[in-house]
Amino acid sequence: MPNQKLIQRVKRIAERIEILAHVSEEPNNLVRTYGSQALDRANQLVVEWMQAAGLKTTIDTIGNVRGRLPATNNSNKVFVMGSHLDTVKNAGKYDGPLGLLIALDVVEELGKTHKYRPFNIEVVGFCDEEGVRFTTTYLGSSALSNTFQESWLDLRDDAGISLAEVIQEKGGDVQKIQEESLSSDECLGYYEVHIEQGPVLENETISVGVVTSIAAQTRVDLRFIGKAGHAGTTPMDARQDALCAAADFITAVENYSKLSDQEITATVGKLTVEPNVSNVIPNEVHCSLDLRSPNNQGMYLALEELEGITANFCEKRKIDFKWTVLQQNEAVFFDPYLYKLLEEAVLEVGMPKLVRLTSGAGHDAVALSPIMPVSMLFIQCKDGISHHPDEFVAFEHIKDGVCVSDCFVAQLIASYQKQPILQTTINS
């Protein structure tokens, strides 16, 4: 007979996902970018749910929603769980919120069933993992881990508004960002549940898989600067067309990625053209490059070679270009001890097999990994679709994710009570 209490918990998670799916900047598709009123409304909903769960709740300066279940022994140690509340444009409803709501549910249940808790547990709804508005990802988690770069405060969105201005408009003091961070001395680790964003688990016909690592990633901002001219009077051999140079670049990125000996993915996902009229030769193009590899060597080599290729064709076209690395994260390999406990939890709840995966997508664990051990569980999503309205996770897979998470946290507490071994993994 199904566990009716567990079913009710999963129904509540599913209902909350639907509620958040209707909190958007636009009426006909889901989008919640950093600093938006939609994200503010989502934050307030999560605050209410955290408070109802008995957590001590706050929204920090950068905009993370944080709820803490206190230890019962006055410990200052903290284990972090959660995911992000921001979305890409025209998003699916599970990427981010599913992991946050599972974390909240597990911790609420823990508060009811565990009378002794040897460390604090903090559930965090991160405010900016996707990096849509300011291009730089992990704003929320980098603030939590004190890896936030002060230069990011000068980043500007497409409307020319700076990150610092957004924080100040909401009543925040940018000087407090560092003060509100966690330290490596107090952090025991981080655990996140996330949809897989790929087809492996569906092909393996299993609900969950344990993540082993996150790929290295670099985000580059490029500007191709040519010379405007009349479309009808400027000879073809006398042109300095910035858009043609950008087209060369996009083609070069695709060809390099397909032919490279390194295992890489490279994407140009953003493009703006000036003056963007039909009868004027484009004088400036602004575009992005997202470069990823499961190993650091592959990423660095691709970055160097693509910049060299770009320099060569820009010289031939007499085009100036500016190549600015906005953000760079090396590959993250998950903590062996937490990984072992998570594998044990997967098997303990009766999963038919153990599936290990690497993540080509970035996650907040990247920004948190410098100060704490990190771990992740992937949940199967239909057809591997993510960052799209068709994104879907079946009830049964959510239920299995909850069961594994319950077991994992219980094992974590039990092992810590015997010996605070987690502390030894932080700087190993």
Protein backbone atom coordinates (compact mmCIF):
# COMPACT_ATOMS: atom_id res chain seq x y z
CA MET A 1 0.00 0.00 0.00
CA PRO A 2 1.42 3.43 -0.95
CA ASN A 3 2.65 5.66 1.86
CA GLN A 4 -0.22 8.18 2.03
CA LYS A 5 1.81 10.70 3.99
CA LEU A 6 4.55 10.64 1.36
CA ILE A 7 1.99 11.03 -1.42
CA GLN A 8 0.54 14.09 0.32
CA ARG A 9 4.02 15.59 0.62
CA VAL A 10 4.68 15.11 -3.08
CA LYS A 11 1.26 16.56 -3.95
CA ARG A 12 2.12 19.66 -1.97
CA ILE A 13 5.45 20.00 -3.81
CA ALA A 14 3.63 19.64 -7.15
CA GLU A 15 1.01 22.22 -6.14
CA ARG A 16 3.70 24.72 -5.13
CA ILE A 17 5.49 24.20 -8.44
CA GLU A 18 2.26 25.12 -10.22
CA ILE A 19 1.85 28.22 -8.05
CA LEU A 20 5.38 29.41 -8.83
CA ALA A 21 4.85 28.65 -12.53
CA HIS A 22 2.25 31.44 -12.63
CA VAL A 23 4.61 34.01 -11.10
CA SER A 24 6.21 35.56 -14.16
CA GLU A 25 7.30 38.84 -15.72
CA GLU A 26 5.25 38.00 -18.83
CA PRO A 27 1.67 36.70 -19.05
CA ASN A 28 2.13 33.99 -21.68
CA ASN A 29 5.46 32.42 -20.75
CA LEU A 30 7.51 31.86 -17.63
CA VAL A 31 10.38 34.22 -16.97
CA ARG A 32 11.77 35.43 -13.63
CA THR A 33 15.02 37.34 -13.92
CA TYR A 34 17.15 38.77 -11.16
CA GLY A 35 15.69 41.81 -9.40
CA SER A 36 12.30 41.58 -11.13
CA GLN A 37 8.96 42.03 -9.40
CA ALA A 38 8.13 38.46 -10.38
CA LEU A 39 11.16 37.16 -8.52
CA ASP A 40 10.20 39.31 -5.53
CA ARG A 41 6.73 37.70 -5.51
CA ALA A 42 8.24 34.22 -5.77
CA ASN A 43 10.58 35.04 -2.89
CA GLN A 44 7.68 36.10 -0.70
CA LEU A 45 5.78 32.89 -1.41
CA VAL A 46 8.82 30.84 -0.42
CA VAL A 47 9.26 32.94 2.73
CA GLU A 48 5.67 32.10 3.72
CA TRP A 49 6.21 28.40 3.06
CA MET A 50 9.47 28.39 5.01
CA GLN A 51 7.86 30.14 7.97
CA ALA A 52 4.97 27.67 7.91
CA ALA A 53 7.60 24.91 8.05
CA GLY A 54 9.06 26.42 11.21
CA LEU A 55 12.23 27.83 9.67
CA LYS A 56 13.90 31.07 10.72
CA THR A 57 13.67 33.02 7.49
CA THR A 58 15.33 36.03 5.86
CA ILE A 59 16.06 37.51 2.43
CA ASP A 60 19.68 38.61 2.28
CA THR A 61 21.11 41.67 0.51
CA ILE A 62 21.80 39.96 -2.81
CA GLY A 63 18.27 38.50 -2.78
CA ASN A 64 18.59 34.87 -1.64
CA VAL A 65 15.69 33.47 0.41
CA ARG A 66 17.19 31.66 3.40
CA GLY A 67 15.39 29.50 5.95
CA ARG A 68 17.20 27.79 8.80
CA LEU A 69 16.20 24.80 10.90
CA PRO A 70 18.32 25.26 14.03
CA ALA A 71 20.49 22.59 15.58
CA THR A 72 19.28 21.29 18.92
CA ASN A 73 22.74 21.37 20.53
CA ASN A 74 23.82 25.01 19.91
CA SER A 75 26.17 23.94 17.11
CA ASN A 76 27.36 26.64 14.72
CA LYS A 77 27.82 24.12 11.91
CA VAL A 78 25.46 24.32 8.94
CA PHE A 79 24.50 22.04 6.08
CA VAL A 80 22.99 23.84 3.07
CA MET A 81 20.24 22.56 0.76
CA GLY A 82 18.32 24.27 -2.02
CA SER A 83 18.25 25.48 -5.61
CA HIS A 84 17.42 28.62 -7.59
CA LEU A 85 14.21 30.58 -8.13
CA ASP A 86 15.25 32.62 -11.18
CA THR A 87 14.60 31.28 -14.69
CA VAL A 88 15.69 31.66 -18.28
CA LYS A 89 13.27 33.31 -20.71
CA ASN A 90 10.35 31.12 -21.80
CA ALA A 91 11.35 28.64 -19.11
CA GLY A 92 10.07 25.36 -17.79
CA LYS A 93 8.64 25.24 -14.28
CA TYR A 94 10.81 22.51 -12.72
CA ASP A 95 14.37 23.75 -13.28
CA GLY A 96 15.32 25.25 -9.91
CA PRO A 97 12.02 25.31 -7.99
CA LEU A 98 11.75 21.50 -7.87
CA GLY A 99 15.05 21.20 -5.99
CA LEU A 100 14.22 24.06 -3.64
CA LEU A 101 10.77 22.70 -2.80
CA ILE A 102 12.05 19.17 -2.23
CA ALA A 103 14.70 20.59 0.12
CA LEU A 104 12.07 22.58 2.00
CA ASP A 105 9.78 19.56 2.30
CA VAL A 106 12.59 17.28 3.53
CA VAL A 107 13.73 19.80 6.15
CA GLU A 108 10.17 20.45 7.32
CA GLU A 109 9.67 16.71 7.79
CA LEU A 110 13.02 16.49 9.55
CA GLY A 111 11.93 19.15 12.03
CA LYS A 112 8.91 17.02 12.92
CA THR A 113 10.64 13.64 13.16
CA HIS A 114 14.17 14.32 14.47
CA LYS A 115 14.23 15.62 18.00
CA TYR A 116 18.02 15.78 17.98
CA ARG A 117 19.82 17.66 15.20
CA PRO A 118 23.60 17.98 15.59
CA PHE A 119 23.93 20.84 13.07
CA ASN A 120 21.86 23.59 11.49
CA ILE A 121 20.24 23.03 8.12
CA GLU A 122 19.75 26.03 5.87
CA VAL A 123 17.41 25.91 2.87
CA VAL A 124 18.27 28.52 0.25
CA GLY A 125 16.34 29.77 -2.77
CA PHE A 126 19.13 31.32 -4.82
CA CYS A 127 18.26 34.56 -6.59
CA ASP A 128 20.35 34.30 -9.77
CA GLU A 129 21.78 31.04 -11.07
CA GLU A 130 20.92 31.49 -14.74
CA GLY A 131 22.63 34.85 -15.25
CA VAL A 132 20.04 36.09 -17.74
CA ARG A 133 19.92 39.77 -16.74
CA PHE A 134 23.58 40.51 -16.02
CA THR A 135 25.21 37.65 -18.01
CA THR A 136 27.23 36.53 -14.97
CA THR A 137 25.84 33.39 -13.32
CA TYR A 138 25.72 32.36 -9.64
CA LEU A 139 25.23 35.85 -8.18
CA GLY A 140 23.27 34.44 -5.24
CA SER A 141 25.46 31.45 -4.42
CA SER A 142 28.69 33.41 -4.87
CA ALA A 143 27.42 35.91 -2.30
CA LEU A 144 26.65 33.07 0.10
CA SER A 145 30.14 31.58 -0.33
CA ASN A 146 31.96 34.95 -0.23
CA THR A 147 33.28 34.45 -3.77
CA PHE A 148 31.24 37.41 -5.06
CA GLN A 149 33.41 39.79 -7.08
CA GLU A 150 33.01 43.48 -6.29
CA SER A 151 33.46 44.32 -9.98
CA TRP A 152 30.14 42.59 -10.70
CA LEU A 153 28.35 45.51 -9.03
CA ASP A 154 29.21 47.56 -12.14
CA LEU A 155 27.62 45.06 -14.54
CA ARG A 156 24.74 46.58 -16.51
CA ASP A 157 21.67 45.00 -18.05
CA ASP A 158 20.31 45.76 -21.52
CA ALA A 159 18.60 48.88 -20.15
CA GLY A 160 21.86 50.21 -18.70
CA ILE A 161 20.90 49.57 -15.06
CA SER A 162 23.77 48.33 -12.90
CA LEU A 163 23.64 45.46 -10.44
CA ALA A 164 24.50 47.87 -7.63
CA GLU A 165 21.54 50.07 -8.58
CA VAL A 166 19.15 47.11 -8.51
CA ILE A 167 20.33 46.13 -5.01
CA GLN A 168 20.09 49.71 -3.74
CA GLU A 169 16.63 50.26 -5.23
CA LYS A 170 15.43 47.33 -3.15
CA GLY A 171 16.87 48.87 0.00
CA GLY A 172 20.01 46.75 0.14
CA ASP A 173 23.46 47.88 1.23
CA VAL A 174 26.11 46.40 -1.07
CA GLN A 175 28.62 46.60 1.78
CA LYS A 176 26.66 43.89 3.62
CA ILE A 177 27.00 41.23 0.91
CA GLN A 178 30.24 39.93 2.41
CA GLU A 179 28.93 40.13 5.97
CA GLU A 180 26.02 37.81 5.17
CA SER A 181 28.14 35.04 3.64
CA LEU A 182 28.93 31.69 5.22
CA SER A 183 32.47 30.65 6.10
CA SER A 184 34.27 27.39 5.41
CA ASP A 185 34.66 26.89 9.17
CA GLU A 186 30.92 26.58 9.67
CA CYS A 187 29.88 24.84 6.45
CA LEU A 188 29.51 21.06 6.41
CA GLY A 189 28.33 20.77 2.83
CA TYR A 190 25.70 21.41 0.18
CA TYR A 191 23.07 19.16 -1.39
CA GLU A 192 20.88 19.97 -4.37
CA VAL A 193 18.20 18.07 -6.24
CA HIS A 194 17.80 19.11 -9.88
CA ILE A 195 16.19 17.85 -13.04
CA GLU A 196 18.71 16.01 -15.20
CA GLN A 197 18.38 18.27 -18.29
CA GLY A 198 19.30 15.26 -20.41
CA PRO A 199 17.97 11.85 -21.52
CA VAL A 200 20.22 9.42 -19.62
CA LEU A 201 17.89 8.59 -16.72
CA GLU A 202 14.91 8.19 -19.02
CA ASN A 203 16.93 5.84 -21.24
CA GLU A 204 18.00 3.91 -18.14
CA THR A 205 14.35 3.81 -16.95
CA ILE A 206 15.23 5.02 -13.47
CA SER A 207 14.03 8.04 -11.49
CA VAL A 208 17.29 9.37 -10.07
CA GLY A 209 21.03 9.45 -10.60
CA VAL A 210 24.01 10.61 -8.56
CA VAL A 211 26.05 13.44 -10.07
CA THR A 212 29.82 13.02 -10.09
CA SER A 213 30.98 16.38 -11.46
CA ILE A 214 30.05 19.63 -13.21
CA ALA A 215 31.74 20.70 -16.43
CA ALA A 216 34.16 23.61 -16.66
CA GLN A 217 32.56 26.72 -18.16
CA THR A 218 33.65 30.08 -19.57
CA ARG A 219 31.40 32.95 -20.62
CA VAL A 220 32.88 35.48 -23.03
CA ASP A 221 31.55 38.86 -24.16
CA LEU A 222 32.60 39.82 -27.70
CA ARG A 223 32.31 43.04 -29.67
CA PHE A 224 33.09 43.24 -33.38
CA ILE A 225 33.71 46.85 -34.41
CA GLY A 226 33.68 47.79 -38.07
CA LYS A 227 32.56 50.82 -40.05
CA ALA A 228 29.05 51.83 -41.04
CA GLY A 229 28.33 52.68 -44.66
CA HIS A 230 25.56 53.01 -47.19
CA ALA A 231 24.29 49.63 -48.35
CA GLY A 232 23.98 50.79 -51.95
CA THR A 233 27.09 52.91 -52.44
CA THR A 234 29.87 51.17 -50.50
CA PRO A 235 31.74 48.66 -52.72
CA MET A 236 31.85 45.09 -51.41
CA ASP A 237 35.65 45.00 -51.34
CA ALA A 238 35.82 48.23 -49.33
CA ARG A 239 33.53 47.20 -46.50
CA GLN A 240 34.29 46.66 -42.81
CA ASP A 241 31.12 44.75 -41.99
CA ALA A 242 30.95 43.82 -38.31
CA LEU A 243 28.09 41.39 -38.88
CA CYS A 244 30.04 39.44 -41.49
CA ALA A 245 32.86 39.12 -38.96
CA ALA A 246 30.37 37.90 -36.35
CA ALA A 247 29.03 35.39 -38.87
CA ASP A 248 32.57 34.12 -39.43
CA PHE A 249 32.92 33.76 -35.68
CA ILE A 250 29.68 31.82 -35.22
CA THR A 251 30.59 29.44 -38.02
CA ALA A 252 34.10 29.00 -36.61
CA VAL A 253 32.70 28.19 -33.15
CA GLU A 254 30.43 25.48 -34.55
CA ASN A 255 33.11 23.94 -36.78
CA TYR A 256 35.74 23.99 -34.06
CA SER A 257 33.41 22.30 -31.57
CA LYS A 258 32.54 19.52 -34.04
CA LEU A 259 36.12 18.85 -35.15
CA SER A 260 38.04 19.38 -31.91
CA ASP A 261 39.81 16.47 -30.23
CA GLN A 262 38.60 17.93 -26.93
CA GLU A 263 35.12 17.13 -25.60
CA ILE A 264 33.59 20.60 -25.69
CA THR A 265 30.33 22.39 -26.34
CA ALA A 266 30.33 25.99 -27.58
CA THR A 267 27.30 28.22 -28.06
CA VAL A 268 26.66 31.73 -29.35
CA GLY A 269 23.30 32.48 -27.80
CA LYS A 270 23.08 36.27 -27.81
CA LEU A 271 23.54 38.68 -30.71
CA THR A 272 22.82 42.41 -31.13
CA VAL A 273 23.53 44.43 -34.24
CA GLU A 274 24.09 48.17 -34.64
CA PRO A 275 22.51 50.15 -36.17
CA ASN A 276 20.22 47.21 -37.11
CA VAL A 277 18.59 48.76 -40.18
CA SER A 278 18.30 47.23 -43.62
CA ASN A 279 20.19 49.81 -45.67
CA VAL A 280 23.24 50.42 -43.47
CA ILE A 281 26.33 48.22 -43.16
CA PRO A 282 26.52 47.05 -39.53
CA ASN A 283 29.30 48.86 -37.68
CA GLU A 284 29.13 46.90 -34.39
CA VAL A 285 27.98 43.49 -33.25
CA HIS A 286 27.80 42.39 -29.65
CA CYS A 287 27.58 38.66 -28.98
CA SER A 288 28.21 35.97 -26.39
CA LEU A 289 30.19 32.74 -26.21
CA ASP A 290 29.38 29.94 -23.79
CA LEU A 291 32.16 27.35 -23.73
CA ARG A 292 32.08 24.13 -21.68
CA SER A 293 34.16 21.00 -21.23
CA PRO A 294 34.21 18.15 -18.71
CA ASN A 295 37.90 18.91 -18.12
CA ASN A 296 39.75 22.16 -17.51
CA GLN A 297 42.43 21.49 -20.11
CA GLY A 298 39.85 21.16 -22.87
CA MET A 299 38.16 24.40 -21.91
CA TYR A 300 41.37 26.45 -21.71
CA LEU A 301 42.71 25.07 -25.00
CA ALA A 302 39.44 25.77 -26.84
CA LEU A 303 39.30 29.28 -25.40
CA GLU A 304 42.83 30.09 -26.57
CA GLU A 305 42.40 28.60 -30.04
CA LEU A 306 39.03 30.25 -30.70
CA GLU A 307 40.40 33.64 -29.72
CA GLY A 308 43.31 33.09 -32.13
CA ILE A 309 40.98 32.07 -34.96
CA THR A 310 38.87 35.18 -34.31
CA ALA A 311 41.90 37.46 -34.38
CA ASN A 312 42.98 36.06 -37.76
CA PHE A 313 39.73 36.63 -39.65
CA CYS A 314 39.15 40.02 -37.99
CA GLU A 315 42.56 41.15 -39.20
CA LYS A 316 41.71 40.09 -42.75
CA ARG A 317 38.42 41.96 -42.61
CA LYS A 318 39.99 45.02 -40.91
CA ILE A 319 37.60 44.58 -37.99
CA ASP A 320 38.52 45.39 -34.41
CA PHE A 321 37.28 42.99 -31.77
CA LYS A 322 37.12 43.00 -27.99
CA TRP A 323 37.27 39.65 -26.21
CA THR A 324 36.26 39.87 -22.54
CA VAL A 325 36.05 36.84 -20.27
CA LEU A 326 33.10 37.58 -18.00
CA GLN A 327 33.15 34.44 -15.91
CA GLN A 328 35.22 31.29 -15.69
CA ASN A 329 34.60 28.22 -13.58
CA GLU A 330 36.77 25.15 -13.57
CA ALA A 331 35.24 21.68 -13.40
CA VAL A 332 33.81 20.75 -10.01
CA PHE A 333 34.19 17.20 -8.70
CA PHE A 334 31.78 16.26 -5.96
CA ASP A 335 32.80 15.38 -2.43
CA PRO A 336 33.63 11.65 -2.03
CA TYR A 337 32.06 11.29 1.41
CA LEU A 338 28.76 12.99 0.54
CA TYR A 339 28.77 11.14 -2.77
CA LYS A 340 29.12 7.82 -0.92
CA LEU A 341 26.25 8.64 1.44
CA LEU A 342 24.06 9.65 -1.48
CA GLU A 343 24.79 6.44 -3.36
CA GLU A 344 23.91 4.47 -0.24
CA ALA A 345 20.64 6.39 0.06
CA VAL A 346 19.74 5.61 -3.57
CA LEU A 347 20.22 1.89 -2.94
CA GLU A 348 18.63 1.99 0.52
CA VAL A 349 15.27 3.25 -0.81
CA GLY A 350 15.16 0.43 -3.35
CA MET A 351 16.21 2.00 -6.63
CA PRO A 352 16.84 -0.91 -9.06
CA LYS A 353 20.31 0.33 -10.01
CA LEU A 354 22.82 3.08 -9.43
CA VAL A 355 23.36 5.58 -12.25
CA ARG A 356 26.21 8.08 -12.16
CA LEU A 357 26.16 11.21 -14.32
CA THR A 358 28.26 14.25 -15.11
CA SER A 359 26.54 17.61 -15.53
CA GLY A 360 27.19 19.69 -18.62
CA ALA A 361 24.99 22.40 -17.11
CA GLY A 362 26.22 24.69 -14.38
CA HIS A 363 24.68 24.78 -10.91
CA ASP A 364 25.04 26.80 -7.72
CA ALA A 365 27.28 24.03 -6.39
CA VAL A 366 30.02 25.54 -8.59
CA ALA A 367 30.08 28.78 -6.60
CA LEU A 368 29.68 27.01 -3.25
CA SER A 369 32.41 24.40 -3.82
CA PRO A 370 35.34 26.65 -2.76
CA ILE A 371 34.08 26.71 0.85
CA MET A 372 32.14 23.47 1.32
CA PRO A 373 31.80 19.90 0.02
CA VAL A 374 29.02 19.64 -2.57
CA SER A 375 26.67 16.90 -3.79
CA MET A 376 23.79 16.60 -6.26
CA LEU A 377 20.97 14.25 -7.20
CA PHE A 378 19.43 14.36 -10.66
CA ILE A 379 15.77 13.50 -11.27
CA GLN A 380 14.51 12.18 -14.58
CA CYS A 381 12.74 14.69 -16.83
CA LYS A 382 10.63 13.78 -19.85
CA ASP A 383 12.63 13.56 -23.09
CA GLY A 384 15.52 15.32 -21.34
CA ILE A 385 13.91 18.67 -22.12
CA SER A 386 14.95 21.69 -20.05
CA HIS A 387 14.84 25.48 -20.34
CA HIS A 388 11.57 25.14 -22.28
CA PRO A 389 7.84 25.13 -21.41
CA ASP A 390 7.66 21.42 -22.27
CA GLU A 391 9.88 20.61 -19.29
CA PHE A 392 8.13 17.92 -17.21
CA VAL A 393 8.87 15.67 -14.23
CA ALA A 394 6.48 12.83 -13.39
CA PHE A 395 4.92 12.49 -9.94
CA GLU A 396 6.62 9.12 -9.41
CA HIS A 397 10.07 10.56 -10.08
CA ILE A 398 9.48 13.44 -7.66
CA LYS A 399 8.41 10.90 -5.04
CA ASP A 400 11.62 8.89 -5.52
CA GLY A 401 13.67 12.08 -5.27
CA VAL A 402 12.00 12.92 -1.97
CA CYS A 403 12.61 9.39 -0.62
CA VAL A 404 16.30 9.46 -1.54
CA SER A 405 16.69 12.94 -0.04
CA ASP A 406 14.97 11.89 3.21
CA CYS A 407 17.31 8.92 3.48
CA PHE A 408 20.41 10.92 2.57
CA VAL A 409 19.80 13.58 5.22
CA ALA A 410 18.96 10.97 7.85
CA GLN A 411 22.20 9.12 7.10
CA LEU A 412 24.08 12.41 7.22
CA ILE A 413 22.78 13.13 10.71
CA ALA A 414 23.42 9.58 11.90
CA SER A 415 27.00 9.57 10.61
CA TYR A 416 27.71 12.99 12.09
CA GLN A 417 26.41 11.94 15.49
CA LYS A 418 28.89 9.06 15.49
CA GLN A 419 31.81 11.15 14.26
CA PRO A 420 31.84 14.70 12.77
CA ILE A 421 33.62 13.29 9.73
CA LEU A 422 32.13 15.84 7.36
CA GLN A 423 34.46 18.50 8.69
CA THR A 424 37.48 16.60 7.43
CA THR A 425 36.26 16.71 3.82
CA ILE A 426 36.02 20.47 3.52
CA ASN A 427 39.63 21.19 2.65
CA SER A 428 40.66 17.76 1.44
